[in-house]
Amino acid sequence: MNYLAIKHFHIACAVLSGSFFFIRGLWMLAGSGMLKQRWVRIVPHVIDTLLLASAITLAVISSQYPVQQNWLSAKLVLLVVYILLGTVALKRGKTRGVRIGAFVAALAVFAWIIKIAVTKQVF
């Protein structure tokens, strides 16, 4: 497998995942019925599955694993935080204020994950 091709695919999936989360967050803020569309509930799972599969493939090819690399460990922990915040923002938040707060926090965590990916530094 070509490492560079998989890396670019991974980056593309990350851009799609973050962009689609942002759009769904805007739909949440607007109270749009788009969030209830079947394809809107399915597509993010497909994108995120491809994103995760490409990440695992990159880790295996490069022999860089989260336990060995602090920056990968940080990305993994922040990914879990991002997912939890995202579910509060789009589904589980009981009030509009909680959803908005979770949405903004999820976007900040996503930006932090990107920063770590680019710099290979946690802070």
C-alpha atoms as a PDB file:
ATOM      1  CA  MET A   1       0.000   0.000   0.000  1.00  0.00           C
ATOM      2  CA  ASN A   2       1.150   3.488  -0.778  1.00  0.00           C
ATOM      3  CA  TYR A   3       1.597   5.421   2.480  1.00  0.00           C
ATOM      4  CA  LEU A   4       1.236   8.825   0.841  1.00  0.00           C
ATOM      5  CA  ALA A   5      -2.016   7.879  -0.913  1.00  0.00           C
ATOM      6  CA  ILE A   6      -3.503   6.572   2.328  1.00  0.00           C
ATOM      7  CA  LYS A   7      -2.341   9.676   4.178  1.00  0.00           C
ATOM      8  CA  HIS A   8      -4.059  11.925   1.626  1.00  0.00           C
ATOM      9  CA  PHE A   9      -7.198   9.786   1.805  1.00  0.00           C
ATOM     10  CA  HIS A  10      -7.102  10.100   5.611  1.00  0.00           C
ATOM     11  CA  ILE A  11      -6.759  13.873   5.382  1.00  0.00           C
ATOM     12  CA  ALA A  12      -9.652  14.057   2.911  1.00  0.00           C
ATOM     13  CA  CYS A  13     -11.831  11.981   5.242  1.00  0.00           C
ATOM     14  CA  ALA A  14     -10.894  14.252   8.173  1.00  0.00           C
ATOM     15  CA  VAL A  15     -11.867  17.340   6.162  1.00  0.00           C
ATOM     16  CA  LEU A  16     -15.158  15.732   5.124  1.00  0.00           C
ATOM     17  CA  SER A  17     -15.896  14.573   8.668  1.00  0.00           C
ATOM     18  CA  GLY A  18     -15.201  17.981  10.224  1.00  0.00           C
ATOM     19  CA  SER A  19     -17.026  19.874   7.485  1.00  0.00           C
ATOM     20  CA  PHE A  20     -20.093  17.682   7.695  1.00  0.00           C
ATOM     21  CA  PHE A  21     -20.125  17.970  11.502  1.00  0.00           C
ATOM     22  CA  PHE A  22     -19.968  21.757  11.136  1.00  0.00           C
ATOM     23  CA  ILE A  23     -22.880  21.736   8.665  1.00  0.00           C
ATOM     24  CA  ARG A  24     -24.939  19.468  10.921  1.00  0.00           C
ATOM     25  CA  GLY A  25     -24.175  21.811  13.816  1.00  0.00           C
ATOM     26  CA  LEU A  26     -25.446  24.751  11.789  1.00  0.00           C
ATOM     27  CA  TRP A  27     -28.593  22.771  10.984  1.00  0.00           C
ATOM     28  CA  MET A  28     -28.994  22.083  14.704  1.00  0.00           C
ATOM     29  CA  LEU A  29     -28.668  25.789  15.478  1.00  0.00           C
ATOM     30  CA  ALA A  30     -31.245  26.624  12.807  1.00  0.00           C
ATOM     31  CA  GLY A  31     -33.631  23.913  13.987  1.00  0.00           C
ATOM     32  CA  SER A  32     -33.568  22.398  10.515  1.00  0.00           C
ATOM     33  CA  GLY A  33     -35.344  19.171   9.709  1.00  0.00           C
ATOM     34  CA  MET A  34     -32.300  18.144   7.654  1.00  0.00           C
ATOM     35  CA  LEU A  35     -30.869  16.427  10.732  1.00  0.00           C
ATOM     36  CA  LYS A  36     -33.696  13.897  10.514  1.00  0.00           C
ATOM     37  CA  GLN A  37     -32.963  12.940   6.910  1.00  0.00           C
ATOM     38  CA  ARG A  38     -31.867   9.319   6.593  1.00  0.00           C
ATOM     39  CA  TRP A  39     -28.760  10.072   4.513  1.00  0.00           C
ATOM     40  CA  VAL A  40     -27.656  12.715   7.055  1.00  0.00           C
ATOM     41  CA  ARG A  41     -27.698  10.056   9.768  1.00  0.00           C
ATOM     42  CA  ILE A  42     -25.825   7.469   7.648  1.00  0.00           C
ATOM     43  CA  VAL A  43     -23.140   9.405   5.726  1.00  0.00           C
ATOM     44  CA  PRO A  44     -21.170  10.571   8.812  1.00  0.00           C
ATOM     45  CA  HIS A  45     -20.796   6.959   9.953  1.00  0.00           C
ATOM     46  CA  VAL A  46     -19.449   5.931   6.555  1.00  0.00           C
ATOM     47  CA  ILE A  47     -16.984   8.834   6.465  1.00  0.00           C
ATOM     48  CA  ASP A  48     -15.848   8.262  10.042  1.00  0.00           C
ATOM     49  CA  THR A  49     -15.411   4.521   9.460  1.00  0.00           C
ATOM     50  CA  LEU A  50     -13.183   5.264   6.458  1.00  0.00           C
ATOM     51  CA  LEU A  51     -11.309   7.861   8.522  1.00  0.00           C
ATOM     52  CA  LEU A  52     -10.681   5.363  11.319  1.00  0.00           C
ATOM     53  CA  ALA A  53      -9.712   2.570   8.912  1.00  0.00           C
ATOM     54  CA  SER A  54      -7.209   4.819   7.160  1.00  0.00           C
ATOM     55  CA  ALA A  55      -5.782   5.919  10.529  1.00  0.00           C
ATOM     56  CA  ILE A  56      -5.280   2.312  11.601  1.00  0.00           C
ATOM     57  CA  THR A  57      -3.707   1.498   8.226  1.00  0.00           C
ATOM     58  CA  LEU A  58      -1.297   4.433   8.563  1.00  0.00           C
ATOM     59  CA  ALA A  59      -0.353   3.348  12.081  1.00  0.00           C
ATOM     60  CA  VAL A  60       0.364  -0.201  10.939  1.00  0.00           C
ATOM     61  CA  ILE A  61       2.334   0.853   7.848  1.00  0.00           C
ATOM     62  CA  SER A  62       4.440   3.386   9.780  1.00  0.00           C
ATOM     63  CA  SER A  63       4.726   1.256  12.953  1.00  0.00           C
ATOM     64  CA  GLN A  64       3.629   4.267  14.992  1.00  0.00           C
ATOM     65  CA  TYR A  65       1.124   3.345  17.664  1.00  0.00           C
ATOM     66  CA  PRO A  66      -0.687   5.490  20.254  1.00  0.00           C
ATOM     67  CA  VAL A  67       1.114   3.922  23.209  1.00  0.00           C
ATOM     68  CA  GLN A  68       4.502   4.597  21.587  1.00  0.00           C
ATOM     69  CA  GLN A  69       3.800   8.128  20.340  1.00  0.00           C
ATOM     70  CA  ASN A  70       2.438  10.774  22.732  1.00  0.00           C
ATOM     71  CA  TRP A  71       0.888  12.783  19.934  1.00  0.00           C
ATOM     72  CA  LEU A  72      -1.058   9.747  18.670  1.00  0.00           C
ATOM     73  CA  SER A  73      -2.216   8.978  22.205  1.00  0.00           C
ATOM     74  CA  ALA A  74      -3.431  12.561  22.545  1.00  0.00           C
ATOM     75  CA  LYS A  75      -5.278  12.363  19.216  1.00  0.00           C
ATOM     76  CA  LEU A  76      -6.991   9.163  20.300  1.00  0.00           C
ATOM     77  CA  VAL A  77      -8.102  10.590  23.660  1.00  0.00           C
ATOM     78  CA  LEU A  78      -9.277  13.815  22.012  1.00  0.00           C
ATOM     79  CA  LEU A  79     -11.149  11.811  19.385  1.00  0.00           C
ATOM     80  CA  VAL A  80     -13.196  10.188  22.143  1.00  0.00           C
ATOM     81  CA  VAL A  81     -13.857  13.626  23.697  1.00  0.00           C
ATOM     82  CA  TYR A  82     -14.855  14.993  20.270  1.00  0.00           C
ATOM     83  CA  ILE A  83     -17.274  12.110  19.696  1.00  0.00           C
ATOM     84  CA  LEU A  84     -18.872  12.560  23.127  1.00  0.00           C
ATOM     85  CA  LEU A  85     -19.232  16.317  22.658  1.00  0.00           C
ATOM     86  CA  GLY A  86     -20.619  15.765  19.164  1.00  0.00           C
ATOM     87  CA  THR A  87     -23.322  13.429  20.417  1.00  0.00           C
ATOM     88  CA  VAL A  88     -24.322  15.969  23.064  1.00  0.00           C
ATOM     89  CA  ALA A  89     -24.382  18.736  20.443  1.00  0.00           C
ATOM     90  CA  LEU A  90     -26.431  16.852  17.864  1.00  0.00           C
ATOM     91  CA  LYS A  91     -28.518  14.379  19.867  1.00  0.00           C
ATOM     92  CA  ARG A  92     -28.254  14.187  23.607  1.00  0.00           C
ATOM     93  CA  GLY A  93     -28.148  17.826  24.735  1.00  0.00           C
ATOM     94  CA  LYS A  94     -31.322  18.541  26.672  1.00  0.00           C
ATOM     95  CA  THR A  95     -31.320  22.303  26.129  1.00  0.00           C
ATOM     96  CA  ARG A  96     -30.314  24.535  23.255  1.00  0.00           C
ATOM     97  CA  GLY A  97     -27.626  26.120  25.427  1.00  0.00           C
ATOM     98  CA  VAL A  98     -26.075  22.752  26.245  1.00  0.00           C
ATOM     99  CA  ARG A  99     -26.121  21.783  22.574  1.00  0.00           C
ATOM    100  CA  ILE A 100     -24.494  25.053  21.507  1.00  0.00           C
ATOM    101  CA  GLY A 101     -21.815  24.737  24.195  1.00  0.00           C
ATOM    102  CA  ALA A 102     -21.067  21.166  23.206  1.00  0.00           C
ATOM    103  CA  PHE A 103     -20.953  22.149  19.524  1.00  0.00           C
ATOM    104  CA  VAL A 104     -18.430  24.939  20.132  1.00  0.00           C
ATOM    105  CA  ALA A 105     -16.362  22.687  22.420  1.00  0.00           C
ATOM    106  CA  ALA A 106     -16.405  19.868  19.834  1.00  0.00           C
ATOM    107  CA  LEU A 107     -15.175  22.256  17.138  1.00  0.00           C
ATOM    108  CA  ALA A 108     -12.355  23.411  19.449  1.00  0.00           C
ATOM    109  CA  VAL A 109     -11.361  19.795  20.148  1.00  0.00           C
ATOM    110  CA  PHE A 110     -11.462  19.013  16.419  1.00  0.00           C
ATOM    111  CA  ALA A 111      -9.150  21.983  15.765  1.00  0.00           C
ATOM    112  CA  TRP A 112      -6.803  20.728  18.489  1.00  0.00           C
ATOM    113  CA  ILE A 113      -6.720  17.261  16.879  1.00  0.00           C
ATOM    114  CA  ILE A 114      -5.805  18.863  13.528  1.00  0.00           C
ATOM    115  CA  LYS A 115      -3.096  20.960  15.190  1.00  0.00           C
ATOM    116  CA  ILE A 116      -1.597  17.839  16.754  1.00  0.00           C
ATOM    117  CA  ALA A 117      -1.747  15.986  13.438  1.00  0.00           C
ATOM    118  CA  VAL A 118       0.117  18.769  11.667  1.00  0.00           C
ATOM    119  CA  THR A 119       2.729  19.572  14.326  1.00  0.00           C
ATOM    120  CA  LYS A 120       3.074  16.135  15.997  1.00  0.00           C
ATOM    121  CA  GLN A 121       3.040  18.109  19.282  1.00  0.00           C
ATOM    122  CA  VAL A 122       0.323  17.932  21.918  1.00  0.00           C
ATOM    123  CA  PHE A 123       0.737  21.502  23.212  1.00  0.00           C
END
